[in-house]
């Protein structure tokens, strides 16, 4: 009599699905290559983290408290000229500072 072993079945299912997962992941990763543009990452961004902070301060904002990479740009929390907390986006390619959500 053969016993059903859930762990063995799970391992077999994962091994069979592994090539499909890699194929699906690579198709998403190559999206920028297919369009001819290189994806912007923190490592190859024209405006790195210190430059993004400098751009925010240069645009008249103060007290930068958070900096996070998200979707090809920097998300920054800072204070505006009136001292209100604002969320900003800094374009990693151009350094343009804009309120987040626009």
PDB file of N, CA and C in Angstrom:
ATOM      1  N   UNK A   1       0.841  -1.176   0.000  1.00  0.00           N
ATOM      2  CA  UNK A   1       0.000   0.000   0.000  1.00  0.00           C
ATOM      3  C   UNK A   1       0.886   1.239   0.000  1.00  0.00           C
ATOM      4  N   UNK A   2       0.563   2.180  -0.842  1.00  0.00           N
ATOM      5  CA  UNK A   2       1.350   3.404  -0.961  1.00  0.00           C
ATOM      6  C   UNK A   2       0.659   4.505  -0.181  1.00  0.00           C
ATOM      7  N   UNK A   3       1.447   5.163   0.659  1.00  0.00           N
ATOM      8  CA  UNK A   3       0.906   6.291   1.423  1.00  0.00           C
ATOM      9  C   UNK A   3       1.126   7.576   0.642  1.00  0.00           C
ATOM     10  N   UNK A   4       0.165   8.465   0.727  1.00  0.00           N
ATOM     11  CA  UNK A   4       0.276   9.775   0.109  1.00  0.00           C
ATOM     12  C   UNK A   4       1.118  10.655   1.014  1.00  0.00           C
ATOM     13  N   UNK A   5       2.151  11.234   0.496  1.00  0.00           N
ATOM     14  CA  UNK A   5       3.030  12.101   1.263  1.00  0.00           C
ATOM     15  C   UNK A   5       2.880  13.528   0.734  1.00  0.00           C
ATOM     16  N   UNK A   6       2.181  14.398   1.505  1.00  0.00           N
ATOM     17  CA  UNK A   6       1.944  15.766   1.030  1.00  0.00           C
ATOM     18  C   UNK A   6       3.231  16.536   0.748  1.00  0.00           C
ATOM     19  N   UNK A   7       4.256  16.323   1.555  1.00  0.00           N
ATOM     20  CA  UNK A   7       5.509  17.051   1.359  1.00  0.00           C
ATOM     21  C   UNK A   7       6.157  16.646   0.039  1.00  0.00           C
ATOM     22  N   UNK A   8       6.146  15.366  -0.247  1.00  0.00           N
ATOM     23  CA  UNK A   8       6.730  14.884  -1.492  1.00  0.00           C
ATOM     24  C   UNK A   8       5.927  15.390  -2.688  1.00  0.00           C
ATOM     25  N   UNK A   9       4.605  15.391  -2.561  1.00  0.00           N
ATOM     26  CA  UNK A   9       3.761  15.882  -3.648  1.00  0.00           C
ATOM     27  C   UNK A   9       4.001  17.368  -3.893  1.00  0.00           C
ATOM     28  N   UNK A  10       4.147  18.128  -2.824  1.00  0.00           N
ATOM     29  CA  UNK A  10       4.407  19.557  -2.949  1.00  0.00           C
ATOM     30  C   UNK A  10       5.762  19.797  -3.623  1.00  0.00           C
ATOM     31  N   UNK A  11       6.770  19.049  -3.217  1.00  0.00           N
ATOM     32  CA  UNK A  11       8.095  19.191  -3.817  1.00  0.00           C
ATOM     33  C   UNK A  11       8.048  18.852  -5.313  1.00  0.00           C
ATOM     34  N   UNK A  12       7.318  17.817  -5.665  1.00  0.00           N
ATOM     35  CA  UNK A  12       7.199  17.434  -7.071  1.00  0.00           C
ATOM     36  C   UNK A  12       6.472  18.518  -7.865  1.00  0.00           C
ATOM     37  N   UNK A  13       5.406  19.066  -7.302  1.00  0.00           N
ATOM     38  CA  UNK A  13       4.651  20.123  -7.987  1.00  0.00           C
ATOM     39  C   UNK A  13       5.511  21.369  -8.177  1.00  0.00           C
ATOM     40  N   UNK A  14       6.288  21.743  -7.171  1.00  0.00           N
ATOM     41  CA  UNK A  14       7.158  22.919  -7.280  1.00  0.00           C
ATOM     42  C   UNK A  14       8.257  22.695  -8.303  1.00  0.00           C
ATOM     43  N   UNK A  15       8.804  21.508  -8.333  1.00  0.00           N
ATOM     44  CA  UNK A  15       9.858  21.205  -9.305  1.00  0.00           C
ATOM     45  C   UNK A  15       9.308  21.258 -10.731  1.00  0.00           C
ATOM     46  N   UNK A  16       8.086  20.795 -10.911  1.00  0.00           N
ATOM     47  CA  UNK A  16       7.488  20.819 -12.251  1.00  0.00           C
ATOM     48  C   UNK A  16       7.144  22.243 -12.676  1.00  0.00           C
ATOM     49  N   UNK A  17       6.766  23.086 -11.719  1.00  0.00           N
ATOM     50  CA  UNK A  17       6.355  24.454 -12.044  1.00  0.00           C
ATOM     51  C   UNK A  17       7.523  25.425 -12.136  1.00  0.00           C
ATOM     52  N   UNK A  18       8.678  25.082 -11.634  1.00  0.00           N
ATOM     53  CA  UNK A  18       9.827  25.996 -11.590  1.00  0.00           C
ATOM     54  C   UNK A  18      10.215  26.551 -12.955  1.00  0.00           C
ATOM     55  N   UNK A  19      10.284  25.745 -14.007  1.00  0.00           N
ATOM     56  CA  UNK A  19      10.653  26.329 -15.304  1.00  0.00           C
ATOM     57  C   UNK A  19       9.638  27.356 -15.809  1.00  0.00           C
ATOM     58  N   UNK A  20       8.368  27.152 -15.498  1.00  0.00           N
ATOM     59  CA  UNK A  20       7.348  28.103 -15.933  1.00  0.00           C
ATOM     60  C   UNK A  20       7.457  29.417 -15.190  1.00  0.00           C
ATOM     61  N   UNK A  21       7.776  29.360 -13.904  1.00  0.00           N
ATOM     62  CA  UNK A  21       7.952  30.581 -13.115  1.00  0.00           C
ATOM     63  C   UNK A  21       9.105  31.416 -13.639  1.00  0.00           C
ATOM     64  N   UNK A  22      10.189  30.771 -13.991  1.00  0.00           N
ATOM     65  CA  UNK A  22      11.343  31.498 -14.520  1.00  0.00           C
ATOM     66  C   UNK A  22      11.016  32.132 -15.874  1.00  0.00           C
ATOM     67  N   UNK A  23      10.262  31.424 -16.691  1.00  0.00           N
ATOM     68  CA  UNK A  23       9.896  31.970 -17.998  1.00  0.00           C
ATOM     69  C   UNK A  23       8.989  33.178 -17.843  1.00  0.00           C
ATOM     70  N   UNK A  24       8.046  33.098 -16.929  1.00  0.00           N
ATOM     71  CA  UNK A  24       7.143  34.231 -16.718  1.00  0.00           C
ATOM     72  C   UNK A  24       7.887  35.422 -16.144  1.00  0.00           C
ATOM     73  N   UNK A  25       8.784  35.183 -15.212  1.00  0.00           N
ATOM     74  CA  UNK A  25       9.538  36.283 -14.603  1.00  0.00           C
ATOM     75  C   UNK A  25      10.435  36.953 -15.633  1.00  0.00           C
ATOM     76  N   UNK A  26      11.058  36.180 -16.489  1.00  0.00           N
ATOM     77  CA  UNK A  26      11.959  36.783 -17.460  1.00  0.00           C
ATOM     78  C   UNK A  26      11.198  37.611 -18.488  1.00  0.00           C
ATOM     79  N   UNK A  27       9.966  37.238 -18.797  1.00  0.00           N
ATOM     80  CA  UNK A  27       9.223  38.030 -19.769  1.00  0.00           C
ATOM     81  C   UNK A  27       8.921  39.413 -19.216  1.00  0.00           C
ATOM     82  N   UNK A  28       8.649  39.534 -17.922  1.00  0.00           N
ATOM     83  CA  UNK A  28       8.425  40.842 -17.313  1.00  0.00           C
ATOM     84  C   UNK A  28       9.722  41.641 -17.243  1.00  0.00           C
ATOM     85  N   UNK A  29      10.819  40.957 -16.932  1.00  0.00           N
ATOM     86  CA  UNK A  29      12.098  41.650 -16.797  1.00  0.00           C
ATOM     87  C   UNK A  29      12.592  42.208 -18.122  1.00  0.00           C
ATOM     88  N   UNK A  30      12.197  41.595 -19.211  1.00  0.00           N
ATOM     89  CA  UNK A  30      12.671  42.013 -20.530  1.00  0.00           C
ATOM     90  C   UNK A  30      11.767  43.051 -21.174  1.00  0.00           C
ATOM     91  N   UNK A  31      10.734  43.496 -20.501  1.00  0.00           N
ATOM     92  CA  UNK A  31       9.796  44.450 -21.081  1.00  0.00           C
ATOM     93  C   UNK A  31      10.515  45.719 -21.536  1.00  0.00           C
ATOM     94  N   UNK A  32      11.415  46.258 -20.729  1.00  0.00           N
ATOM     95  CA  UNK A  32      12.138  47.480 -21.097  1.00  0.00           C
ATOM     96  C   UNK A  32      13.071  47.216 -22.277  1.00  0.00           C
ATOM     97  N   UNK A  33      13.668  46.021 -22.317  1.00  0.00           N
ATOM     98  CA  UNK A  33      14.569  45.699 -23.416  1.00  0.00           C
ATOM     99  C   UNK A  33      13.818  45.610 -24.737  1.00  0.00           C
ATOM    100  N   UNK A  34      12.616  45.088 -24.716  1.00  0.00           N
ATOM    101  CA  UNK A  34      11.841  44.972 -25.941  1.00  0.00           C
ATOM    102  C   UNK A  34      11.450  46.332 -26.482  1.00  0.00           C
ATOM    103  N   UNK A  35      11.207  47.290 -25.579  1.00  0.00           N
ATOM    104  CA  UNK A  35      10.816  48.616 -26.049  1.00  0.00           C
ATOM    105  C   UNK A  35      12.035  49.451 -26.438  1.00  0.00           C
ATOM    106  N   UNK A  36      13.236  48.937 -26.207  1.00  0.00           N
ATOM    107  CA  UNK A  36      14.446  49.636 -26.589  1.00  0.00           C
ATOM    108  C   UNK A  36      14.977  50.556 -25.498  1.00  0.00           C
ATOM    109  N   UNK A  37      14.286  50.672 -24.381  1.00  0.00           N
ATOM    110  CA  UNK A  37      14.726  51.542 -23.299  1.00  0.00           C
ATOM    111  C   UNK A  37      15.265  50.695 -22.152  1.00  0.00           C
ATOM    112  N   UNK A  38      16.227  51.232 -21.454  1.00  0.00           N
ATOM    113  CA  UNK A  38      16.784  50.535 -20.309  1.00  0.00           C
ATOM    114  C   UNK A  38      16.000  50.941 -19.074  1.00  0.00           C
ATOM    115  N   UNK A  39      15.641  49.981 -18.238  1.00  0.00           N
ATOM    116  CA  UNK A  39      14.899  50.268 -17.009  1.00  0.00           C
ATOM    117  C   UNK A  39      15.785  51.062 -16.055  1.00  0.00           C
ATOM    118  N   UNK A  40      15.200  52.061 -15.434  1.00  0.00           N
ATOM    119  CA  UNK A  40      15.945  52.878 -14.482  1.00  0.00           C
ATOM    120  C   UNK A  40      15.883  52.205 -13.124  1.00  0.00           C
ATOM    121  N   UNK A  41      17.034  52.007 -12.526  1.00  0.00           N
ATOM    122  CA  UNK A  41      17.145  51.424 -11.191  1.00  0.00           C
ATOM    123  C   UNK A  41      17.944  52.380 -10.323  1.00  0.00           C
ATOM    124  N   UNK A  42      17.927  52.195  -8.995  1.00  0.00           N
ATOM    125  CA  UNK A  42      18.742  53.072  -8.143  1.00  0.00           C
ATOM    126  C   UNK A  42      20.222  53.048  -8.529  1.00  0.00           C
ATOM    127  N   UNK A  43      20.695  51.908  -9.031  1.00  0.00           N
ATOM    128  CA  UNK A  43      22.109  51.791  -9.383  1.00  0.00           C
ATOM    129  C   UNK A  43      22.482  52.584 -10.631  1.00  0.00           C
ATOM    130  N   UNK A  44      21.553  52.707 -11.602  1.00  0.00           N
ATOM    131  CA  UNK A  44      21.897  53.406 -12.836  1.00  0.00           C
ATOM    132  C   UNK A  44      21.140  54.723 -13.014  1.00  0.00           C
ATOM    133  N   UNK A  45      20.471  55.180 -11.963  1.00  0.00           N
ATOM    134  CA  UNK A  45      19.708  56.429 -12.053  1.00  0.00           C
ATOM    135  C   UNK A  45      20.653  57.615 -12.207  1.00  0.00           C
ATOM    136  N   UNK A  46      20.275  58.539 -13.064  1.00  0.00           N
ATOM    137  CA  UNK A  46      21.084  59.749 -13.248  1.00  0.00           C
ATOM    138  C   UNK A  46      21.085  60.573 -11.961  1.00  0.00           C
ATOM    139  N   UNK A  47      19.930  60.612 -11.289  1.00  0.00           N
ATOM    140  CA  UNK A  47      19.813  61.284  -9.995  1.00  0.00           C
ATOM    141  C   UNK A  47      19.744  60.211  -8.920  1.00  0.00           C
ATOM    142  N   UNK A  48      20.864  60.007  -8.215  1.00  0.00           N
ATOM    143  CA  UNK A  48      20.894  59.027  -7.135  1.00  0.00           C
ATOM    144  C   UNK A  48      20.262  59.646  -5.889  1.00  0.00           C
ATOM    145  N   UNK A  49      20.311  58.945  -4.764  1.00  0.00           N
ATOM    146  CA  UNK A  49      19.648  59.402  -3.536  1.00  0.00           C
ATOM    147  C   UNK A  49      20.134  60.783  -3.085  1.00  0.00           C
ATOM    148  N   UNK A  50      21.449  61.032  -2.977  1.00  0.00           N
ATOM    149  CA  UNK A  50      21.882  62.372  -2.556  1.00  0.00           C
ATOM    150  C   UNK A  50      21.456  63.471  -3.536  1.00  0.00           C
ATOM    151  N   UNK A  51      21.480  63.166  -4.836  1.00  0.00           N
ATOM    152  CA  UNK A  51      21.062  64.153  -5.832  1.00  0.00           C
ATOM    153  C   UNK A  51      19.557  64.416  -5.744  1.00  0.00           C
ATOM    154  N   UNK A  52      18.782  63.383  -5.421  1.00  0.00           N
ATOM    155  CA  UNK A  52      17.335  63.555  -5.260  1.00  0.00           C
ATOM    156  C   UNK A  52      17.035  64.460  -4.070  1.00  0.00           C
ATOM    157  N   UNK A  53      17.757  64.269  -2.977  1.00  0.00           N
ATOM    158  CA  UNK A  53      17.574  65.126  -1.796  1.00  0.00           C
ATOM    159  C   UNK A  53      17.971  66.557  -2.140  1.00  0.00           C
ATOM    160  N   UNK A  54      19.065  66.724  -2.852  1.00  0.00           N
ATOM    161  CA  UNK A  54      19.503  68.062  -3.252  1.00  0.00           C
ATOM    162  C   UNK A  54      18.461  68.730  -4.156  1.00  0.00           C
ATOM    163  N   UNK A  55      17.832  67.956  -5.046  1.00  0.00           N
ATOM    164  CA  UNK A  55      16.799  68.507  -5.917  1.00  0.00           C
ATOM    165  C   UNK A  55      15.590  68.978  -5.109  1.00  0.00           C
ATOM    166  N   UNK A  56      15.211  68.202  -4.096  1.00  0.00           N
ATOM    167  CA  UNK A  56      14.081  68.573  -3.235  1.00  0.00           C
ATOM    168  C   UNK A  56      14.405  69.851  -2.466  1.00  0.00           C
ATOM    169  N   UNK A  57      15.585  69.911  -1.890  1.00  0.00           N
ATOM    170  CA  UNK A  57      15.979  71.107  -1.137  1.00  0.00           C
ATOM    171  C   UNK A  57      16.101  72.312  -2.070  1.00  0.00           C
ATOM    172  N   UNK A  58      16.608  72.094  -3.266  1.00  0.00           N
ATOM    173  CA  UNK A  58      16.734  73.164  -4.243  1.00  0.00           C
ATOM    174  C   UNK A  58      15.391  73.688  -4.726  1.00  0.00           C
ATOM    175  N   UNK A  59      14.357  72.861  -4.640  1.00  0.00           N
ATOM    176  CA  UNK A  59      13.015  73.272  -5.057  1.00  0.00           C
ATOM    177  C   UNK A  59      12.280  74.023  -3.945  1.00  0.00           C
ATOM    178  N   UNK A  60      12.952  74.240  -2.806  1.00  0.00           N
ATOM    179  CA  UNK A  60      12.358  75.031  -1.743  1.00  0.00           C
ATOM    180  C   UNK A  60      11.743  74.240  -0.608  1.00  0.00           C
ATOM    181  N   UNK A  61      11.881  72.925  -0.625  1.00  0.00           N
ATOM    182  CA  UNK A  61      11.356  72.102   0.458  1.00  0.00           C
ATOM    183  C   UNK A  61      12.422  71.938   1.533  1.00  0.00           C
ATOM    184  N   UNK A  62      11.999  71.603   2.753  1.00  0.00           N
ATOM    185  CA  UNK A  62      12.945  71.436   3.860  1.00  0.00           C
ATOM    186  C   UNK A  62      12.638  70.130   4.598  1.00  0.00           C
ATOM    187  N   UNK A  63      13.488  69.810   5.527  1.00  0.00           N
ATOM    188  CA  UNK A  63      13.301  68.686   6.463  1.00  0.00           C
ATOM    189  C   UNK A  63      12.906  67.384   5.756  1.00  0.00           C
ATOM    190  N   UNK A  64      13.755  66.909   4.885  1.00  0.00           N
ATOM    191  CA  UNK A  64      13.510  65.623   4.228  1.00  0.00           C
ATOM    192  C   UNK A  64      13.623  64.524   5.274  1.00  0.00           C
ATOM    193  N   UNK A  65      12.559  63.734   5.416  1.00  0.00           N
ATOM    194  CA  UNK A  65      12.574  62.700   6.449  1.00  0.00           C
ATOM    195  C   UNK A  65      12.575  61.281   5.893  1.00  0.00           C
ATOM    196  N   UNK A  66      12.072  61.092   4.688  1.00  0.00           N
ATOM    197  CA  UNK A  66      12.040  59.751   4.102  1.00  0.00           C
ATOM    198  C   UNK A  66      12.392  59.823   2.629  1.00  0.00           C
ATOM    199  N   UNK A  67      13.082  58.794   2.171  1.00  0.00           N
ATOM    200  CA  UNK A  67      13.460  58.676   0.769  1.00  0.00           C
ATOM    201  C   UNK A  67      13.332  57.208   0.405  1.00  0.00           C
ATOM    202  N   UNK A  68      12.562  56.926  -0.641  1.00  0.00           N
ATOM    203  CA  UNK A  68      12.326  55.541  -1.017  1.00  0.00           C
ATOM    204  C   UNK A  68      12.259  55.431  -2.530  1.00  0.00           C
ATOM    205  N   UNK A  69      12.850  54.374  -3.088  1.00  0.00           N
ATOM    206  CA  UNK A  69      12.797  54.120  -4.522  1.00  0.00           C
ATOM    207  C   UNK A  69      11.483  53.436  -4.850  1.00  0.00           C
ATOM    208  N   UNK A  70      10.786  53.952  -5.857  1.00  0.00           N
ATOM    209  CA  UNK A  70       9.526  53.335  -6.257  1.00  0.00           C
ATOM    210  C   UNK A  70       9.233  53.630  -7.716  1.00  0.00           C
ATOM    211  N   UNK A  71       9.079  52.593  -8.524  1.00  0.00           N
ATOM    212  CA  UNK A  71       8.679  52.705  -9.926  1.00  0.00           C
ATOM    213  C   UNK A  71       9.513  53.697 -10.736  1.00  0.00           C
ATOM    214  N   UNK A  72      10.789  53.571 -10.683  1.00  0.00           N
ATOM    215  CA  UNK A  72      11.658  54.390 -11.520  1.00  0.00           C
ATOM    216  C   UNK A  72      11.892  55.799 -11.031  1.00  0.00           C
ATOM    217  N   UNK A  73      11.605  56.069  -9.778  1.00  0.00           N
ATOM    218  CA  UNK A  73      11.836  57.409  -9.232  1.00  0.00           C
ATOM    219  C   UNK A  73      11.909  57.381  -7.719  1.00  0.00           C
ATOM    220  N   UNK A  74      12.170  58.516  -7.146  1.00  0.00           N
ATOM    221  CA  UNK A  74      12.303  58.632  -5.696  1.00  0.00           C
ATOM    222  C   UNK A  74      11.025  59.210  -5.095  1.00  0.00           C
ATOM    223  N   UNK A  75      10.533  58.586  -4.039  1.00  0.00           N
ATOM    224  CA  UNK A  75       9.408  59.103  -3.269  1.00  0.00           C
ATOM    225  C   UNK A  75      10.007  59.747  -2.024  1.00  0.00           C
ATOM    226  N   UNK A  76       9.669  60.999  -1.796  1.00  0.00           N
ATOM    227  CA  UNK A  76      10.303  61.768  -0.722  1.00  0.00           C
ATOM    228  C   UNK A  76       9.231  62.407   0.144  1.00  0.00           C
ATOM    229  N   UNK A  77       9.444  62.387   1.460  1.00  0.00           N
ATOM    230  CA  UNK A  77       8.598  63.129   2.389  1.00  0.00           C
ATOM    231  C   UNK A  77       9.423  64.288   2.924  1.00  0.00           C
ATOM    232  N   UNK A  78       8.847  65.479   2.834  1.00  0.00           N
ATOM    233  CA  UNK A  78       9.549  66.691   3.254  1.00  0.00           C
ATOM    234  C   UNK A  78       8.521  67.706   3.732  1.00  0.00           C
ATOM    235  N   UNK A  79       8.977  68.891   4.109  1.00  0.00           N
ATOM    236  CA  UNK A  79       8.097  69.990   4.500  1.00  0.00           C
ATOM    237  C   UNK A  79       8.122  71.042   3.401  1.00  0.00           C
ATOM    238  N   UNK A  80       6.937  71.658   3.154  1.00  0.00           N
ATOM    239  CA  UNK A  80       6.893  72.749   2.180  1.00  0.00           C
ATOM    240  C   UNK A  80       7.246  74.063   2.877  1.00  0.00           C
ATOM    241  N   UNK A  81       7.147  75.181   2.172  1.00  0.00           N
ATOM    242  CA  UNK A  81       7.533  76.488   2.714  1.00  0.00           C
ATOM    243  C   UNK A  81       6.689  76.897   3.923  1.00  0.00           C
ATOM    244  N   UNK A  82       5.456  76.369   4.014  1.00  0.00           N
ATOM    245  CA  UNK A  82       4.591  76.687   5.146  1.00  0.00           C
ATOM    246  C   UNK A  82       4.750  75.697   6.297  1.00  0.00           C
ATOM    247  N   UNK A  83       5.656  74.752   6.159  1.00  0.00           N
ATOM    248  CA  UNK A  83       5.913  73.772   7.210  1.00  0.00           C
ATOM    249  C   UNK A  83       4.995  72.560   7.172  1.00  0.00           C
ATOM    250  N   UNK A  84       4.168  72.425   6.137  1.00  0.00           N
ATOM    251  CA  UNK A  84       3.266  71.278   6.008  1.00  0.00           C
ATOM    252  C   UNK A  84       4.012  70.082   5.430  1.00  0.00           C
ATOM    253  N   UNK A  85       3.646  68.911   5.903  1.00  0.00           N
ATOM    254  CA  UNK A  85       4.249  67.663   5.420  1.00  0.00           C
ATOM    255  C   UNK A  85       3.718  67.373   4.023  1.00  0.00           C
ATOM    256  N   UNK A  86       4.590  67.114   3.078  1.00  0.00           N
ATOM    257  CA  UNK A  86       4.191  66.796   1.708  1.00  0.00           C
ATOM    258  C   UNK A  86       4.926  65.549   1.224  1.00  0.00           C
ATOM    259  N   UNK A  87       4.301  64.864   0.280  1.00  0.00           N
ATOM    260  CA  UNK A  87       4.938  63.726  -0.373  1.00  0.00           C
ATOM    261  C   UNK A  87       5.266  64.149  -1.796  1.00  0.00           C
ATOM    262  N   UNK A  88       6.498  63.908  -2.188  1.00  0.00           N
ATOM    263  CA  UNK A  88       6.986  64.350  -3.488  1.00  0.00           C
ATOM    264  C   UNK A  88       7.521  63.174  -4.282  1.00  0.00           C
ATOM    265  N   UNK A  89       7.628  63.374  -5.579  1.00  0.00           N
ATOM    266  CA  UNK A  89       8.279  62.401  -6.455  1.00  0.00           C
ATOM    267  C   UNK A  89       9.400  63.117  -7.193  1.00  0.00           C
ATOM    268  N   UNK A  90      10.563  62.497  -7.193  1.00  0.00           N
ATOM    269  CA  UNK A  90      11.705  63.028  -7.932  1.00  0.00           C
ATOM    270  C   UNK A  90      11.992  62.058  -9.074  1.00  0.00           C
ATOM    271  N   UNK A  91      11.907  62.549 -10.294  1.00  0.00           N
ATOM    272  CA  UNK A  91      12.195  61.731 -11.467  1.00  0.00           C
ATOM    273  C   UNK A  91      13.683  61.415 -11.477  1.00  0.00           C
ATOM    274  N   UNK A  92      14.013  60.134 -11.504  1.00  0.00           N
ATOM    275  CA  UNK A  92      15.415  59.711 -11.417  1.00  0.00           C
ATOM    276  C   UNK A  92      16.210  60.051 -12.667  1.00  0.00           C
ATOM    277  N   UNK A  93      15.542  60.285 -13.786  1.00  0.00           N
ATOM    278  CA  UNK A  93      16.249  60.606 -15.022  1.00  0.00           C
ATOM    279  C   UNK A  93      16.469  62.102 -15.190  1.00  0.00           C
ATOM    280  N   UNK A  94      15.489  62.918 -14.744  1.00  0.00           N
ATOM    281  CA  UNK A  94      15.577  64.362 -14.980  1.00  0.00           C
ATOM    282  C   UNK A  94      15.799  65.190 -13.721  1.00  0.00           C
ATOM    283  N   UNK A  95      15.476  64.638 -12.559  1.00  0.00           N
ATOM    284  CA  UNK A  95      15.587  65.386 -11.314  1.00  0.00           C
ATOM    285  C   UNK A  95      14.402  66.305 -11.050  1.00  0.00           C
ATOM    286  N   UNK A  96      13.361  66.205 -11.870  1.00  0.00           N
ATOM    287  CA  UNK A  96      12.171  67.039 -11.689  1.00  0.00           C
ATOM    288  C   UNK A  96      11.451  66.651 -10.409  1.00  0.00           C
ATOM    289  N   UNK A  97      11.069  67.663  -9.627  1.00  0.00           N
ATOM    290  CA  UNK A  97      10.373  67.448  -8.362  1.00  0.00           C
ATOM    291  C   UNK A  97       8.913  67.830  -8.560  1.00  0.00           C
ATOM    292  N   UNK A  98       8.012  66.922  -8.180  1.00  0.00           N
ATOM    293  CA  UNK A  98       6.575  67.169  -8.316  1.00  0.00           C
ATOM    294  C   UNK A  98       5.840  66.578  -7.122  1.00  0.00           C
ATOM    295  N   UNK A  99       4.722  67.174  -6.735  1.00  0.00           N
ATOM    296  CA  UNK A  99       3.923  66.546  -5.680  1.00  0.00           C
ATOM    297  C   UNK A  99       3.513  65.150  -6.108  1.00  0.00           C
ATOM    298  N   UNK A 100       3.518  64.233  -5.171  1.00  0.00           N
ATOM    299  CA  UNK A 100       3.194  62.845  -5.488  1.00  0.00           C
ATOM    300  C   UNK A 100       1.730  62.719  -5.886  1.00  0.00           C
ATOM    301  N   UNK A 101       1.478  61.904  -6.892  1.00  0.00           N
ATOM    302  CA  UNK A 101       0.127  61.674  -7.352  1.00  0.00           C
ATOM    303  C   UNK A 101      -0.208  62.450  -8.608  1.00  0.00           C
ATOM    304  N   UNK A 102       0.700  63.254  -9.083  1.00  0.00           N
ATOM    305  CA  UNK A 102       0.463  64.004 -10.324  1.00  0.00           C
ATOM    306  C   UNK A 102       1.308  63.446 -11.431  1.00  0.00           C
TER     307      UNK A 102
END
